[in-house]
Amino acid sequence: MLDCLNETDRAIFLKLYMEEKNLDEVSAETGLKKEVIYNRLSRGKKRIRSMYESREV
């Protein structure tokens, strides 16, 4: 499902959910502000959700 995300967003998802890093660590590693990470997560989750829903049909 992560294939629908761009490389940066995919890296954020992997760091947070697979590597179990916290937002401060991800922010330091990526150079992105926490607010930007929150926005990318929100948009990424919407994109994943819509792809999942379209496959269920």
Protein backbone atom coordinates (compact mmCIF):
# COMPACT_ATOMS: atom_id res chain seq x y z
CA MET A 1 0.00 0.00 0.00
CA LEU A 2 2.92 2.35 0.55
CA ASP A 3 3.71 2.23 -3.17
CA CYS A 4 1.12 4.95 -3.74
CA LEU A 5 3.22 7.39 -1.68
CA ASN A 6 6.20 9.39 -2.86
CA GLU A 7 9.64 8.48 -1.56
CA THR A 8 9.73 11.05 1.26
CA ASP A 9 6.29 10.16 2.57
CA ARG A 10 7.07 6.44 2.36
CA ALA A 11 10.25 7.02 4.40
CA ILE A 12 8.27 8.91 7.05
CA PHE A 13 5.71 6.10 7.36
CA LEU A 14 8.45 3.47 7.60
CA LYS A 15 10.40 5.37 10.25
CA LEU A 16 7.32 6.01 12.41
CA TYR A 17 5.46 2.73 12.06
CA MET A 18 8.09 0.11 11.20
CA GLU A 19 11.16 1.45 12.97
CA GLU A 20 8.97 2.85 15.78
CA LYS A 21 10.79 6.16 15.94
CA ASN A 22 9.12 9.16 17.50
CA LEU A 23 8.33 12.41 15.72
CA ASP A 24 11.36 14.21 17.13
CA GLU A 25 13.69 11.54 15.73
CA VAL A 26 12.01 11.55 12.33
CA SER A 27 12.11 15.34 12.25
CA ALA A 28 15.83 15.36 13.03
CA GLU A 29 16.58 12.67 10.42
CA THR A 30 14.51 14.20 7.62
CA GLY A 31 15.02 17.87 8.40
CA LEU A 32 11.26 18.40 8.26
CA LYS A 33 9.30 20.26 10.93
CA LYS A 34 6.84 18.24 13.00
CA GLU A 35 3.94 20.15 11.48
CA VAL A 36 5.07 19.16 7.99
CA ILE A 37 5.36 15.52 9.06
CA TYR A 38 1.83 15.61 10.52
CA ASN A 39 0.51 17.04 7.23
CA ARG A 40 2.33 14.42 5.14
CA LEU A 41 1.02 11.63 7.40
CA SER A 42 -2.52 12.94 7.13
CA ARG A 43 -2.39 13.19 3.34
CA GLY A 44 -0.66 9.82 3.06
CA LYS A 45 -3.28 8.11 5.21
CA LYS A 46 -6.04 9.60 3.05
CA ARG A 47 -4.31 8.39 -0.11
CA ILE A 48 -3.82 4.88 1.31
CA ARG A 49 -7.41 4.77 2.54
CA SER A 50 -8.80 5.81 -0.85
CA MET A 51 -6.64 3.21 -2.65
CA TYR A 52 -7.77 0.52 -0.23
CA GLU A 53 -11.43 1.47 -0.61
CA SER A 54 -11.21 1.46 -4.41
CA ARG A 55 -9.70 -2.06 -4.35
CA GLU A 56 -12.53 -3.43 -2.19
CA VAL A 57 -15.12 -2.83 -4.88
